[in-house]
Amino acid sequence: MTLDATAQPQAHLLIVDDDERIRGLLQKFLIRQGFLVSAARDAAQARRLLGGLEFDLIVLDVMMPGEDGISLTRALRDTLDTPILLLTARGEAEDRIAGLEAGADDYLIKPFEPRELLLRINAILRRMPQPAVQPGGPKVLQLGPVRYDVERGELWQGSAPVRLTATESALMRIFASRPNEAFSRIQLVEDLGRDRGAGGDPAQERAVDVQITRLRRKIESDPKQPRYLQTVRGAGYMLTPD
């Protein structure tokens, strides 16, 4: 049975893996699901493709010779907000957290079922910025020198746009939908479209904490003492605009 790539049928994916067999299998599988798929054997080839083409999502192996997946993710985040899904053979929590801290949107531990990869890809693509105006709600939220355009799903500092990853964009949409209201980690895990029923999974909740930390660096003058994206003891996180 062919699974339907419902989130974005013609999304263009980049698969980066040094294993030719895995790279080929993933490319064929995802093409059958309706995606456009390009492939690269290492970081250098991925950089060349990214220099000339636009992609909707990058599926990136962590363990590659030369520049590894985490280093490439960190470098790409300086100029690129394309969602990144890391494939890792390491199941330890700290290894997964390192990938998220580098700027990845999600991770998948090898070995995995192709269906699970498809579900993760679709979940990430659904997080991409979309208009999210609430009836009667503010169209712009002011966060000190930073402002969030709710309608466009854009973050600005003065006249300069602030780059957001797909997951950071999704978090801003969630918080902006109900400012001054706390969201629990469990609720954020579910709202981000991660593994359904994963609420209460320490690894998933820790992943949310990492994304919150990254987002604070973009909206807070002092991320260690947040004014706008606050921690509410016993309740979760809350956005408190001016």
C-alpha atoms as a PDB file:
ATOM      1  CA  MET A   1       0.000   0.000   0.000  1.00  0.00           C
ATOM      2  CA  THR A   2       1.351   3.439  -0.919  1.00  0.00           C
ATOM      3  CA  LEU A   3       1.238   6.022   1.836  1.00  0.00           C
ATOM      4  CA  ASP A   4      -0.078   9.454   0.949  1.00  0.00           C
ATOM      5  CA  ALA A   5       2.340  12.349   1.441  1.00  0.00           C
ATOM      6  CA  THR A   6      -0.509  14.536   2.596  1.00  0.00           C
ATOM      7  CA  ALA A   7       1.461  17.371   4.115  1.00  0.00           C
ATOM      8  CA  GLN A   8       3.009  18.622   0.881  1.00  0.00           C
ATOM      9  CA  PRO A   9       2.877  16.151  -2.042  1.00  0.00           C
ATOM     10  CA  GLN A  10       5.329  18.029  -4.283  1.00  0.00           C
ATOM     11  CA  ALA A  11       7.805  19.036  -1.596  1.00  0.00           C
ATOM     12  CA  HIS A  12      11.426  18.801  -2.772  1.00  0.00           C
ATOM     13  CA  LEU A  13      13.600  16.771  -0.384  1.00  0.00           C
ATOM     14  CA  LEU A  14      17.381  16.454  -0.192  1.00  0.00           C
ATOM     15  CA  ILE A  15      18.719  13.123   1.111  1.00  0.00           C
ATOM     16  CA  VAL A  16      22.325  13.268   2.379  1.00  0.00           C
ATOM     17  CA  ASP A  17      23.876   9.899   3.297  1.00  0.00           C
ATOM     18  CA  ASP A  18      27.271   8.387   2.490  1.00  0.00           C
ATOM     19  CA  ASP A  19      25.772   4.877   2.262  1.00  0.00           C
ATOM     20  CA  GLU A  20      24.824   4.450  -1.405  1.00  0.00           C
ATOM     21  CA  ARG A  21      22.375   1.621  -0.706  1.00  0.00           C
ATOM     22  CA  ILE A  22      20.455   3.527   1.976  1.00  0.00           C
ATOM     23  CA  ARG A  23      20.537   6.695  -0.105  1.00  0.00           C
ATOM     24  CA  GLY A  24      19.059   4.895  -3.086  1.00  0.00           C
ATOM     25  CA  LEU A  25      16.388   3.091  -1.084  1.00  0.00           C
ATOM     26  CA  LEU A  26      15.247   6.294   0.623  1.00  0.00           C
ATOM     27  CA  GLN A  27      15.176   8.166  -2.668  1.00  0.00           C
ATOM     28  CA  LYS A  28      13.042   5.512  -4.375  1.00  0.00           C
ATOM     29  CA  PHE A  29      10.686   5.197  -1.412  1.00  0.00           C
ATOM     30  CA  LEU A  30      10.082   8.926  -1.085  1.00  0.00           C
ATOM     31  CA  ILE A  31       9.593   9.395  -4.823  1.00  0.00           C
ATOM     32  CA  ARG A  32       6.859   6.747  -4.642  1.00  0.00           C
ATOM     33  CA  GLN A  33       5.170   8.848  -1.946  1.00  0.00           C
ATOM     34  CA  GLY A  34       4.902  11.800  -4.328  1.00  0.00           C
ATOM     35  CA  PHE A  35       7.952  13.829  -3.304  1.00  0.00           C
ATOM     36  CA  LEU A  36      10.612  15.320  -5.537  1.00  0.00           C
ATOM     37  CA  VAL A  37      13.907  13.921  -4.247  1.00  0.00           C
ATOM     38  CA  SER A  38      17.559  14.792  -4.807  1.00  0.00           C
ATOM     39  CA  ALA A  39      20.449  12.967  -3.144  1.00  0.00           C
ATOM     40  CA  ALA A  40      23.997  13.761  -2.040  1.00  0.00           C
ATOM     41  CA  ARG A  41      26.732  11.398  -0.888  1.00  0.00           C
ATOM     42  CA  ASP A  42      28.427  13.818   1.544  1.00  0.00           C
ATOM     43  CA  ALA A  43      28.384  17.338   2.959  1.00  0.00           C
ATOM     44  CA  ALA A  44      30.406  18.783   0.082  1.00  0.00           C
ATOM     45  CA  GLN A  45      27.963  17.534  -2.556  1.00  0.00           C
ATOM     46  CA  ALA A  46      25.027  18.681  -0.408  1.00  0.00           C
ATOM     47  CA  ARG A  47      26.496  22.197  -0.275  1.00  0.00           C
ATOM     48  CA  ARG A  48      26.792  22.270  -4.061  1.00  0.00           C
ATOM     49  CA  LEU A  49      23.159  21.226  -4.495  1.00  0.00           C
ATOM     50  CA  LEU A  50      21.980  23.724  -1.886  1.00  0.00           C
ATOM     51  CA  GLY A  51      23.879  26.448  -3.723  1.00  0.00           C
ATOM     52  CA  GLY A  52      21.773  26.003  -6.836  1.00  0.00           C
ATOM     53  CA  LEU A  53      18.452  24.514  -5.717  1.00  0.00           C
ATOM     54  CA  GLU A  54      15.818  25.231  -3.094  1.00  0.00           C
ATOM     55  CA  PHE A  55      14.592  22.388  -0.914  1.00  0.00           C
ATOM     56  CA  ASP A  56      11.639  22.045   1.419  1.00  0.00           C
ATOM     57  CA  LEU A  57      13.410  19.658   3.783  1.00  0.00           C
ATOM     58  CA  ILE A  58      16.821  18.010   4.255  1.00  0.00           C
ATOM     59  CA  VAL A  59      17.150  14.434   5.526  1.00  0.00           C
ATOM     60  CA  LEU A  60      20.712  14.279   6.817  1.00  0.00           C
ATOM     61  CA  ASP A  61      22.770  11.390   8.163  1.00  0.00           C
ATOM     62  CA  VAL A  62      24.848  12.288  11.217  1.00  0.00           C
ATOM     63  CA  MET A  63      27.726   9.835  10.814  1.00  0.00           C
ATOM     64  CA  MET A  64      29.479  10.723   7.545  1.00  0.00           C
ATOM     65  CA  PRO A  65      33.186  10.841   6.669  1.00  0.00           C
ATOM     66  CA  GLY A  66      34.632  14.330   6.577  1.00  0.00           C
ATOM     67  CA  GLU A  67      32.118  16.919   7.715  1.00  0.00           C
ATOM     68  CA  ASP A  68      29.487  15.135   9.817  1.00  0.00           C
ATOM     69  CA  GLY A  69      25.783  15.866   9.872  1.00  0.00           C
ATOM     70  CA  ILE A  70      25.770  17.899  13.074  1.00  0.00           C
ATOM     71  CA  SER A  71      28.599  20.158  11.873  1.00  0.00           C
ATOM     72  CA  LEU A  72      26.837  20.651   8.536  1.00  0.00           C
ATOM     73  CA  THR A  73      23.562  21.464  10.315  1.00  0.00           C
ATOM     74  CA  ARG A  74      25.280  24.076  12.471  1.00  0.00           C
ATOM     75  CA  ALA A  75      26.926  25.671   9.427  1.00  0.00           C
ATOM     76  CA  LEU A  76      23.725  25.702   7.352  1.00  0.00           C
ATOM     77  CA  ARG A  77      21.786  27.400  10.120  1.00  0.00           C
ATOM     78  CA  ASP A  78      23.886  30.549   9.636  1.00  0.00           C
ATOM     79  CA  THR A  79      22.212  31.216   6.300  1.00  0.00           C
ATOM     80  CA  LEU A  80      19.432  28.664   5.800  1.00  0.00           C
ATOM     81  CA  ASP A  81      16.133  27.976   7.562  1.00  0.00           C
ATOM     82  CA  THR A  82      15.218  24.842   5.564  1.00  0.00           C
ATOM     83  CA  PRO A  83      13.942  22.124   7.950  1.00  0.00           C
ATOM     84  CA  ILE A  84      16.500  19.430   8.794  1.00  0.00           C
ATOM     85  CA  LEU A  85      15.714  15.882   9.932  1.00  0.00           C
ATOM     86  CA  LEU A  86      18.763  14.062  11.282  1.00  0.00           C
ATOM     87  CA  LEU A  87      19.263  10.319  10.928  1.00  0.00           C
ATOM     88  CA  THR A  88      21.432   8.963  13.723  1.00  0.00           C
ATOM     89  CA  ALA A  89      22.637   5.518  14.744  1.00  0.00           C
ATOM     90  CA  ARG A  90      23.237   6.843  18.246  1.00  0.00           C
ATOM     91  CA  GLY A  91      20.266   6.487  20.553  1.00  0.00           C
ATOM     92  CA  GLU A  92      21.688   8.301  23.585  1.00  0.00           C
ATOM     93  CA  ALA A  93      19.725  11.369  24.629  1.00  0.00           C
ATOM     94  CA  GLU A  94      22.781  13.638  24.644  1.00  0.00           C
ATOM     95  CA  ASP A  95      23.575  12.782  21.025  1.00  0.00           C
ATOM     96  CA  ARG A  96      20.028  13.633  19.986  1.00  0.00           C
ATOM     97  CA  ILE A  97      20.116  16.871  21.995  1.00  0.00           C
ATOM     98  CA  ALA A  98      23.397  17.850  20.300  1.00  0.00           C
ATOM     99  CA  GLY A  99      21.651  17.644  16.935  1.00  0.00           C
ATOM    100  CA  LEU A 100      18.724  19.778  18.099  1.00  0.00           C
ATOM    101  CA  GLU A 101      21.076  22.335  19.614  1.00  0.00           C
ATOM    102  CA  ALA A 102      22.876  22.552  16.282  1.00  0.00           C
ATOM    103  CA  GLY A 103      19.569  23.565  14.677  1.00  0.00           C
ATOM    104  CA  ALA A 104      17.899  20.346  13.532  1.00  0.00           C
ATOM    105  CA  ASP A 105      14.108  20.200  13.640  1.00  0.00           C
ATOM    106  CA  ASP A 106      13.856  16.524  14.513  1.00  0.00           C
ATOM    107  CA  TYR A 107      15.808  13.282  14.603  1.00  0.00           C
ATOM    108  CA  LEU A 108      15.173   9.649  13.765  1.00  0.00           C
ATOM    109  CA  ILE A 109      17.193   6.785  15.206  1.00  0.00           C
ATOM    110  CA  LYS A 110      18.486   4.060  12.889  1.00  0.00           C
ATOM    111  CA  PRO A 111      17.282   1.483  12.101  1.00  0.00           C
ATOM    112  CA  PHE A 112      13.811   2.824  11.324  1.00  0.00           C
ATOM    113  CA  GLU A 113      10.771   1.858   9.288  1.00  0.00           C
ATOM    114  CA  PRO A 114      10.216   3.875   6.074  1.00  0.00           C
ATOM    115  CA  ARG A 115       6.689   4.638   7.281  1.00  0.00           C
ATOM    116  CA  GLU A 116       8.092   6.319  10.383  1.00  0.00           C
ATOM    117  CA  LEU A 117      10.398   8.456   8.244  1.00  0.00           C
ATOM    118  CA  LEU A 118       7.423   9.516   6.124  1.00  0.00           C
ATOM    119  CA  LEU A 119       5.407  10.437   9.214  1.00  0.00           C
ATOM    120  CA  ARG A 120       8.291  12.528  10.579  1.00  0.00           C
ATOM    121  CA  ILE A 121       8.763  14.325   7.258  1.00  0.00           C
ATOM    122  CA  ASN A 122       5.075  15.155   6.986  1.00  0.00           C
ATOM    123  CA  ALA A 123       4.990  16.358  10.593  1.00  0.00           C
ATOM    124  CA  ILE A 124       7.914  18.736   9.968  1.00  0.00           C
ATOM    125  CA  LEU A 125       6.415  20.074   6.748  1.00  0.00           C
ATOM    126  CA  ARG A 126       3.171  20.824   8.571  1.00  0.00           C
ATOM    127  CA  ARG A 127       5.134  23.070  10.937  1.00  0.00           C
ATOM    128  CA  MET A 128       6.166  25.427   8.138  1.00  0.00           C
ATOM    129  CA  PRO A 129       4.902  29.011   8.541  1.00  0.00           C
ATOM    130  CA  GLN A 130       1.275  29.548   7.611  1.00  0.00           C
ATOM    131  CA  PRO A 131      -1.094  32.453   8.208  1.00  0.00           C
ATOM    132  CA  ALA A 132      -2.362  32.178  11.749  1.00  0.00           C
ATOM    133  CA  VAL A 133      -4.419  35.257  12.538  1.00  0.00           C
ATOM    134  CA  GLN A 134      -6.803  34.722  15.421  1.00  0.00           C
ATOM    135  CA  PRO A 135     -10.197  36.447  15.002  1.00  0.00           C
ATOM    136  CA  GLY A 136     -10.088  39.700  16.948  1.00  0.00           C
ATOM    137  CA  GLY A 137      -6.524  39.007  18.101  1.00  0.00           C
ATOM    138  CA  PRO A 138      -3.461  41.221  17.571  1.00  0.00           C
ATOM    139  CA  LYS A 139      -1.736  40.991  14.207  1.00  0.00           C
ATOM    140  CA  VAL A 140       1.654  41.975  15.617  1.00  0.00           C
ATOM    141  CA  LEU A 141       3.148  41.025  18.979  1.00  0.00           C
ATOM    142  CA  GLN A 142       5.853  43.318  20.323  1.00  0.00           C
ATOM    143  CA  LEU A 143       8.666  41.634  22.241  1.00  0.00           C
ATOM    144  CA  GLY A 144      10.916  44.537  23.145  1.00  0.00           C
ATOM    145  CA  PRO A 145      13.002  45.354  20.070  1.00  0.00           C
ATOM    146  CA  VAL A 146      11.654  42.235  18.339  1.00  0.00           C
ATOM    147  CA  ARG A 147       8.196  41.949  16.796  1.00  0.00           C
ATOM    148  CA  TYR A 148       6.280  38.941  15.586  1.00  0.00           C
ATOM    149  CA  ASP A 149       3.949  39.329  12.609  1.00  0.00           C
ATOM    150  CA  VAL A 150       1.186  36.862  13.462  1.00  0.00           C
ATOM    151  CA  GLU A 151      -0.420  36.972  10.025  1.00  0.00           C
ATOM    152  CA  ARG A 152       2.797  36.244   8.131  1.00  0.00           C
ATOM    153  CA  GLY A 153       4.429  34.087  10.790  1.00  0.00           C
ATOM    154  CA  GLU A 154       7.561  36.273  10.633  1.00  0.00           C
ATOM    155  CA  LEU A 155       9.914  37.523  13.337  1.00  0.00           C
ATOM    156  CA  TRP A 156      11.633  40.890  12.853  1.00  0.00           C
ATOM    157  CA  GLN A 157      14.228  42.940  14.664  1.00  0.00           C
ATOM    158  CA  GLY A 158      13.888  46.443  13.297  1.00  0.00           C
ATOM    159  CA  SER A 159      13.955  46.108   9.499  1.00  0.00           C
ATOM    160  CA  ALA A 160      15.884  42.821   9.585  1.00  0.00           C
ATOM    161  CA  PRO A 161      14.080  39.469   9.477  1.00  0.00           C
ATOM    162  CA  VAL A 162      15.078  36.914  12.112  1.00  0.00           C
ATOM    163  CA  ARG A 163      15.545  33.423  10.709  1.00  0.00           C
ATOM    164  CA  LEU A 164      13.371  30.753  12.275  1.00  0.00           C
ATOM    165  CA  THR A 165      13.548  27.016  11.737  1.00  0.00           C
ATOM    166  CA  ALA A 166      10.316  25.178  10.979  1.00  0.00           C
ATOM    167  CA  THR A 167      10.015  24.082  14.596  1.00  0.00           C
ATOM    168  CA  GLU A 168      10.734  27.565  15.931  1.00  0.00           C
ATOM    169  CA  SER A 169       8.090  28.953  13.573  1.00  0.00           C
ATOM    170  CA  ALA A 170       5.618  26.368  14.824  1.00  0.00           C
ATOM    171  CA  LEU A 171       6.371  27.265  18.444  1.00  0.00           C
ATOM    172  CA  MET A 172       5.821  30.968  17.745  1.00  0.00           C
ATOM    173  CA  ARG A 173       2.471  30.201  16.086  1.00  0.00           C
ATOM    174  CA  ILE A 174       1.432  28.122  19.095  1.00  0.00           C
ATOM    175  CA  PHE A 175       2.415  30.758  21.654  1.00  0.00           C
ATOM    176  CA  ALA A 176       1.001  33.639  19.581  1.00  0.00           C
ATOM    177  CA  SER A 177      -2.349  31.884  19.348  1.00  0.00           C
ATOM    178  CA  ARG A 178      -2.820  32.331  23.105  1.00  0.00           C
ATOM    179  CA  PRO A 179      -0.388  34.913  24.521  1.00  0.00           C
ATOM    180  CA  ASN A 180      -0.076  35.100  28.315  1.00  0.00           C
ATOM    181  CA  GLU A 181      -1.254  31.497  28.601  1.00  0.00           C
ATOM    182  CA  ALA A 182       1.031  28.656  29.666  1.00  0.00           C
ATOM    183  CA  PHE A 183       1.580  25.589  27.493  1.00  0.00           C
ATOM    184  CA  SER A 184       2.851  22.411  29.140  1.00  0.00           C
ATOM    185  CA  ARG A 185       5.701  20.414  27.641  1.00  0.00           C
ATOM    186  CA  ILE A 186       3.285  17.557  26.977  1.00  0.00           C
ATOM    187  CA  GLN A 187       0.952  19.901  25.099  1.00  0.00           C
ATOM    188  CA  LEU A 188       3.823  21.334  23.048  1.00  0.00           C
ATOM    189  CA  VAL A 189       5.040  17.852  22.107  1.00  0.00           C
ATOM    190  CA  GLU A 190       1.571  17.039  20.805  1.00  0.00           C
ATOM    191  CA  ASP A 191       1.009  20.402  19.099  1.00  0.00           C
ATOM    192  CA  LEU A 192       4.334  20.159  17.294  1.00  0.00           C
ATOM    193  CA  GLY A 193       3.142  16.922  15.729  1.00  0.00           C
ATOM    194  CA  ARG A 194       5.862  14.760  17.204  1.00  0.00           C
ATOM    195  CA  ASP A 195       5.111  11.132  18.055  1.00  0.00           C
ATOM    196  CA  ARG A 196       1.438  10.965  18.963  1.00  0.00           C
ATOM    197  CA  GLY A 197       1.049   9.691  22.465  1.00  0.00           C
ATOM    198  CA  ALA A 198       4.628  10.749  23.279  1.00  0.00           C
ATOM    199  CA  GLY A 199       3.458  13.197  25.924  1.00  0.00           C
ATOM    200  CA  GLY A 200       5.341  12.261  29.080  1.00  0.00           C
ATOM    201  CA  ASP A 201       8.318  10.891  27.104  1.00  0.00           C
ATOM    202  CA  PRO A 202      11.330  12.587  28.761  1.00  0.00           C
ATOM    203  CA  ALA A 203      13.328  12.578  25.504  1.00  0.00           C
ATOM    204  CA  GLN A 204      10.585  14.365  23.571  1.00  0.00           C
ATOM    205  CA  GLU A 205      10.020  16.865  26.352  1.00  0.00           C
ATOM    206  CA  ARG A 206      13.760  17.532  26.587  1.00  0.00           C
ATOM    207  CA  ALA A 207      13.748  18.143  22.836  1.00  0.00           C
ATOM    208  CA  VAL A 208      11.102  20.825  23.360  1.00  0.00           C
ATOM    209  CA  ASP A 209      13.285  22.415  26.051  1.00  0.00           C
ATOM    210  CA  VAL A 210      16.156  22.625  23.572  1.00  0.00           C
ATOM    211  CA  GLN A 211      13.961  24.301  20.959  1.00  0.00           C
ATOM    212  CA  ILE A 212      12.715  26.792  23.561  1.00  0.00           C
ATOM    213  CA  THR A 213      16.326  27.628  24.446  1.00  0.00           C
ATOM    214  CA  ARG A 214      17.149  28.252  20.783  1.00  0.00           C
ATOM    215  CA  LEU A 215      14.062  30.418  20.323  1.00  0.00           C
ATOM    216  CA  ARG A 216      14.905  32.502  23.387  1.00  0.00           C
ATOM    217  CA  ARG A 217      18.274  33.377  21.842  1.00  0.00           C
ATOM    218  CA  LYS A 218      16.366  35.033  19.002  1.00  0.00           C
ATOM    219  CA  ILE A 219      13.819  37.025  20.995  1.00  0.00           C
ATOM    220  CA  GLU A 220      15.416  37.745  24.376  1.00  0.00           C
ATOM    221  CA  SER A 221      18.109  40.309  25.188  1.00  0.00           C
ATOM    222  CA  ASP A 222      19.206  37.972  28.004  1.00  0.00           C
ATOM    223  CA  PRO A 223      18.126  34.386  27.198  1.00  0.00           C
ATOM    224  CA  LYS A 224      19.200  33.214  30.670  1.00  0.00           C
ATOM    225  CA  GLN A 225      16.712  35.609  32.254  1.00  0.00           C
ATOM    226  CA  PRO A 226      13.837  35.558  29.764  1.00  0.00           C
ATOM    227  CA  ARG A 227      11.343  38.394  29.813  1.00  0.00           C
ATOM    228  CA  TYR A 228       9.050  37.362  26.949  1.00  0.00           C
ATOM    229  CA  LEU A 229       9.238  33.553  26.675  1.00  0.00           C
ATOM    230  CA  GLN A 230       8.903  32.662  30.312  1.00  0.00           C
ATOM    231  CA  THR A 231       9.047  29.419  32.242  1.00  0.00           C
ATOM    232  CA  VAL A 232       5.969  29.009  34.423  1.00  0.00           C
ATOM    233  CA  ARG A 233       6.837  26.710  37.297  1.00  0.00           C
ATOM    234  CA  GLY A 234       4.696  23.593  37.230  1.00  0.00           C
ATOM    235  CA  ALA A 235       2.834  24.731  34.101  1.00  0.00           C
ATOM    236  CA  GLY A 236       5.277  24.992  31.174  1.00  0.00           C
ATOM    237  CA  TYR A 237       6.126  27.956  28.949  1.00  0.00           C
ATOM    238  CA  MET A 238       4.280  31.191  28.189  1.00  0.00           C
ATOM    239  CA  LEU A 239       4.743  34.077  25.743  1.00  0.00           C
ATOM    240  CA  THR A 240       4.212  37.474  27.410  1.00  0.00           C
ATOM    241  CA  PRO A 241       4.410  40.272  24.813  1.00  0.00           C
ATOM    242  CA  ASP A 242       4.529  43.984  25.712  1.00  0.00           C
END
